[in-house]
Amino acid sequence: MTLQPKYKGKIVEEPETVLIIKTQSGYRDEIEQVIGKLPIQI
């Protein structure tokens, strides 16, 4: 996926990563907690 946001009046292109998780109902809170603990590089 590629985003093209406007930055200071210019359109810039930058990469974007999307994570899609399909699971059973009732696991959302636990999954969000685990993902929240992952180190994120910005």
PDB file of N, CA and C in Angstrom:
ATOM      1  N   MET A   1       0.854  -1.166   0.000  1.00  0.00           N
ATOM      2  CA  MET A   1       0.000   0.000   0.000  1.00  0.00           C
ATOM      3  C   MET A   1       0.898   1.225   0.000  1.00  0.00           C
ATOM      4  N   THR A   2       0.551   2.197  -0.771  1.00  0.00           N
ATOM      5  CA  THR A   2       1.322   3.436  -0.826  1.00  0.00           C
ATOM      6  C   THR A   2       0.406   4.609  -0.527  1.00  0.00           C
ATOM      7  N   LEU A   3       0.848   5.462   0.359  1.00  0.00           N
ATOM      8  CA  LEU A   3       0.088   6.664   0.690  1.00  0.00           C
ATOM      9  C   LEU A   3       0.676   7.851  -0.056  1.00  0.00           C
ATOM     10  N   GLN A   4      -0.161   8.797  -0.366  1.00  0.00           N
ATOM     11  CA  GLN A   4       0.303  10.033  -0.977  1.00  0.00           C
ATOM     12  C   GLN A   4      -0.290  11.216  -0.208  1.00  0.00           C
ATOM     13  N   PRO A   5       0.180  11.437   1.025  1.00  0.00           N
ATOM     14  CA  PRO A   5      -0.349  12.544   1.812  1.00  0.00           C
ATOM     15  C   PRO A   5       0.215  13.883   1.348  1.00  0.00           C
ATOM     16  N   LYS A   6      -0.520  14.935   1.635  1.00  0.00           N
ATOM     17  CA  LYS A   6      -0.002  16.273   1.354  1.00  0.00           C
ATOM     18  C   LYS A   6       0.858  16.701   2.535  1.00  0.00           C
ATOM     19  N   TYR A   7       2.056  17.153   2.249  1.00  0.00           N
ATOM     20  CA  TYR A   7       2.969  17.636   3.272  1.00  0.00           C
ATOM     21  C   TYR A   7       3.491  18.986   2.825  1.00  0.00           C
ATOM     22  N   LYS A   8       3.163  20.003   3.569  1.00  0.00           N
ATOM     23  CA  LYS A   8       3.564  21.373   3.244  1.00  0.00           C
ATOM     24  C   LYS A   8       3.170  21.740   1.819  1.00  0.00           C
ATOM     25  N   GLY A   9       1.933  21.364   1.445  1.00  0.00           N
ATOM     26  CA  GLY A   9       1.422  21.730   0.129  1.00  0.00           C
ATOM     27  C   GLY A   9       1.870  20.832  -1.004  1.00  0.00           C
ATOM     28  N   LYS A  10       2.749  19.874  -0.723  1.00  0.00           N
ATOM     29  CA  LYS A  10       3.235  18.965  -1.762  1.00  0.00           C
ATOM     30  C   LYS A  10       2.720  17.556  -1.476  1.00  0.00           C
ATOM     31  N   ILE A  11       2.489  16.798  -2.529  1.00  0.00           N
ATOM     32  CA  ILE A  11       2.110  15.398  -2.371  1.00  0.00           C
ATOM     33  C   ILE A  11       3.382  14.570  -2.333  1.00  0.00           C
ATOM     34  N   VAL A  12       3.557  13.821  -1.252  1.00  0.00           N
ATOM     35  CA  VAL A  12       4.731  12.961  -1.109  1.00  0.00           C
ATOM     36  C   VAL A  12       4.269  11.511  -1.080  1.00  0.00           C
ATOM     37  N   GLU A  13       5.107  10.621  -1.572  1.00  0.00           N
ATOM     38  CA  GLU A  13       4.764   9.203  -1.605  1.00  0.00           C
ATOM     39  C   GLU A  13       5.596   8.473  -0.565  1.00  0.00           C
ATOM     40  N   GLU A  14       4.933   7.674   0.259  1.00  0.00           N
ATOM     41  CA  GLU A  14       5.646   6.918   1.273  1.00  0.00           C
ATOM     42  C   GLU A  14       5.002   5.548   1.442  1.00  0.00           C
ATOM     43  N   PRO A  15       5.803   4.535   1.824  1.00  0.00           N
ATOM     44  CA  PRO A  15       5.265   3.185   1.993  1.00  0.00           C
ATOM     45  C   PRO A  15       4.418   3.089   3.260  1.00  0.00           C
ATOM     46  N   GLU A  16       3.484   2.200   3.253  1.00  0.00           N
ATOM     47  CA  GLU A  16       2.610   1.973   4.403  1.00  0.00           C
ATOM     48  C   GLU A  16       2.403   0.470   4.545  1.00  0.00           C
ATOM     49  N   THR A  17       2.427  -0.024   5.766  1.00  0.00           N
ATOM     50  CA  THR A  17       2.192  -1.437   6.030  1.00  0.00           C
ATOM     51  C   THR A  17       0.859  -1.593   6.737  1.00  0.00           C
ATOM     52  N   VAL A  18       0.078  -2.560   6.307  1.00  0.00           N
ATOM     53  CA  VAL A  18      -1.228  -2.818   6.908  1.00  0.00           C
ATOM     54  C   VAL A  18      -1.252  -4.255   7.407  1.00  0.00           C
ATOM     55  N   LEU A  19      -1.716  -4.441   8.632  1.00  0.00           N
ATOM     56  CA  LEU A  19      -1.847  -5.770   9.210  1.00  0.00           C
ATOM     57  C   LEU A  19      -3.329  -6.073   9.367  1.00  0.00           C
ATOM     58  N   ILE A  20      -3.783  -7.139   8.724  1.00  0.00           N
ATOM     59  CA  ILE A  20      -5.178  -7.559   8.830  1.00  0.00           C
ATOM     60  C   ILE A  20      -5.196  -8.892   9.567  1.00  0.00           C
ATOM     61  N   ILE A  21      -5.970  -8.951  10.643  1.00  0.00           N
ATOM     62  CA  ILE A  21      -6.045 -10.166  11.445  1.00  0.00           C
ATOM     63  C   ILE A  21      -7.484 -10.645  11.476  1.00  0.00           C
ATOM     64  N   LYS A  22      -7.679 -11.888  11.090  1.00  0.00           N
ATOM     65  CA  LYS A  22      -9.002 -12.497  11.169  1.00  0.00           C
ATOM     66  C   LYS A  22      -8.960 -13.492  12.317  1.00  0.00           C
ATOM     67  N   THR A  23      -9.912 -13.383  13.232  1.00  0.00           N
ATOM     68  CA  THR A  23      -9.913 -14.246  14.402  1.00  0.00           C
ATOM     69  C   THR A  23     -11.343 -14.518  14.847  1.00  0.00           C
ATOM     70  N   GLN A  24     -11.463 -15.268  15.893  1.00  0.00           N
ATOM     71  CA  GLN A  24     -12.775 -15.544  16.461  1.00  0.00           C
ATOM     72  C   GLN A  24     -13.203 -14.387  17.350  1.00  0.00           C
ATOM     73  N   SER A  25     -14.518 -14.225  17.510  1.00  0.00           N
ATOM     74  CA  SER A  25     -15.012 -13.142  18.364  1.00  0.00           C
ATOM     75  C   SER A  25     -14.521 -13.359  19.798  1.00  0.00           C
ATOM     76  N   GLY A  26     -14.317 -12.274  20.497  1.00  0.00           N
ATOM     77  CA  GLY A  26     -13.882 -12.362  21.881  1.00  0.00           C
ATOM     78  C   GLY A  26     -12.381 -12.238  22.081  1.00  0.00           C
ATOM     79  N   TYR A  27     -11.601 -12.210  21.014  1.00  0.00           N
ATOM     80  CA  TYR A  27     -10.143 -12.139  21.132  1.00  0.00           C
ATOM     81  C   TYR A  27      -9.578 -10.745  20.847  1.00  0.00           C
ATOM     82  N   ARG A  28     -10.423  -9.812  20.471  1.00  0.00           N
ATOM     83  CA  ARG A  28      -9.929  -8.492  20.061  1.00  0.00           C
ATOM     84  C   ARG A  28      -9.088  -7.816  21.144  1.00  0.00           C
ATOM     85  N   ASP A  29      -9.584  -7.788  22.380  1.00  0.00           N
ATOM     86  CA  ASP A  29      -8.843  -7.113  23.448  1.00  0.00           C
ATOM     87  C   ASP A  29      -7.457  -7.726  23.654  1.00  0.00           C
ATOM     88  N   GLU A  30      -7.385  -9.054  23.643  1.00  0.00           N
ATOM     89  CA  GLU A  30      -6.101  -9.724  23.841  1.00  0.00           C
ATOM     90  C   GLU A  30      -5.142  -9.435  22.688  1.00  0.00           C
ATOM     91  N   ILE A  31      -5.659  -9.444  21.473  1.00  0.00           N
ATOM     92  CA  ILE A  31      -4.825  -9.161  20.298  1.00  0.00           C
ATOM     93  C   ILE A  31      -4.298  -7.732  20.352  1.00  0.00           C
ATOM     94  N   GLU A  32      -5.151  -6.781  20.725  1.00  0.00           N
ATOM     95  CA  GLU A  32      -4.716  -5.387  20.823  1.00  0.00           C
ATOM     96  C   GLU A  32      -3.623  -5.228  21.878  1.00  0.00           C
ATOM     97  N   GLN A  33      -3.718  -5.963  22.974  1.00  0.00           N
ATOM     98  CA  GLN A  33      -2.687  -5.882  24.011  1.00  0.00           C
ATOM     99  C   GLN A  33      -1.350  -6.403  23.496  1.00  0.00           C
ATOM    100  N   VAL A  34      -1.373  -7.515  22.787  1.00  0.00           N
ATOM    101  CA  VAL A  34      -0.133  -8.089  22.248  1.00  0.00           C
ATOM    102  C   VAL A  34       0.483  -7.153  21.215  1.00  0.00           C
ATOM    103  N   ILE A  35      -0.332  -6.639  20.307  1.00  0.00           N
ATOM    104  CA  ILE A  35       0.176  -5.727  19.280  1.00  0.00           C
ATOM    105  C   ILE A  35       0.722  -4.458  19.919  1.00  0.00           C
ATOM    106  N   GLY A  36       0.078  -3.992  20.974  1.00  0.00           N
ATOM    107  CA  GLY A  36       0.535  -2.794  21.679  1.00  0.00           C
ATOM    108  C   GLY A  36       1.914  -2.950  22.303  1.00  0.00           C
ATOM    109  N   LYS A  37       2.338  -4.181  22.552  1.00  0.00           N
ATOM    110  CA  LYS A  37       3.652  -4.437  23.149  1.00  0.00           C
ATOM    111  C   LYS A  37       4.768  -4.557  22.114  1.00  0.00           C
ATOM    112  N   LEU A  38       4.420  -4.621  20.838  1.00  0.00           N
ATOM    113  CA  LEU A  38       5.427  -4.777  19.786  1.00  0.00           C
ATOM    114  C   LEU A  38       6.244  -3.501  19.623  1.00  0.00           C
ATOM    115  N   PRO A  39       7.556  -3.640  19.420  1.00  0.00           N
ATOM    116  CA  PRO A  39       8.370  -2.447  19.158  1.00  0.00           C
ATOM    117  C   PRO A  39       8.041  -1.905  17.766  1.00  0.00           C
ATOM    118  N   ILE A  40       7.792  -0.633  17.696  1.00  0.00           N
ATOM    119  CA  ILE A  40       7.438  -0.003  16.420  1.00  0.00           C
ATOM    120  C   ILE A  40       8.547   0.958  16.025  1.00  0.00           C
ATOM    121  N   GLN A  41       9.018   0.827  14.792  1.00  0.00           N
ATOM    122  CA  GLN A  41      10.054   1.727  14.285  1.00  0.00           C
ATOM    123  C   GLN A  41       9.398   2.798  13.438  1.00  0.00           C
ATOM    124  N   ILE A  42       9.668   4.025  13.783  1.00  0.00           N
ATOM    125  CA  ILE A  42       9.115   5.153  13.017  1.00  0.00           C
ATOM    126  C   ILE A  42      10.248   5.910  12.379  1.00  0.00           C
TER     127      ILE A  42
END
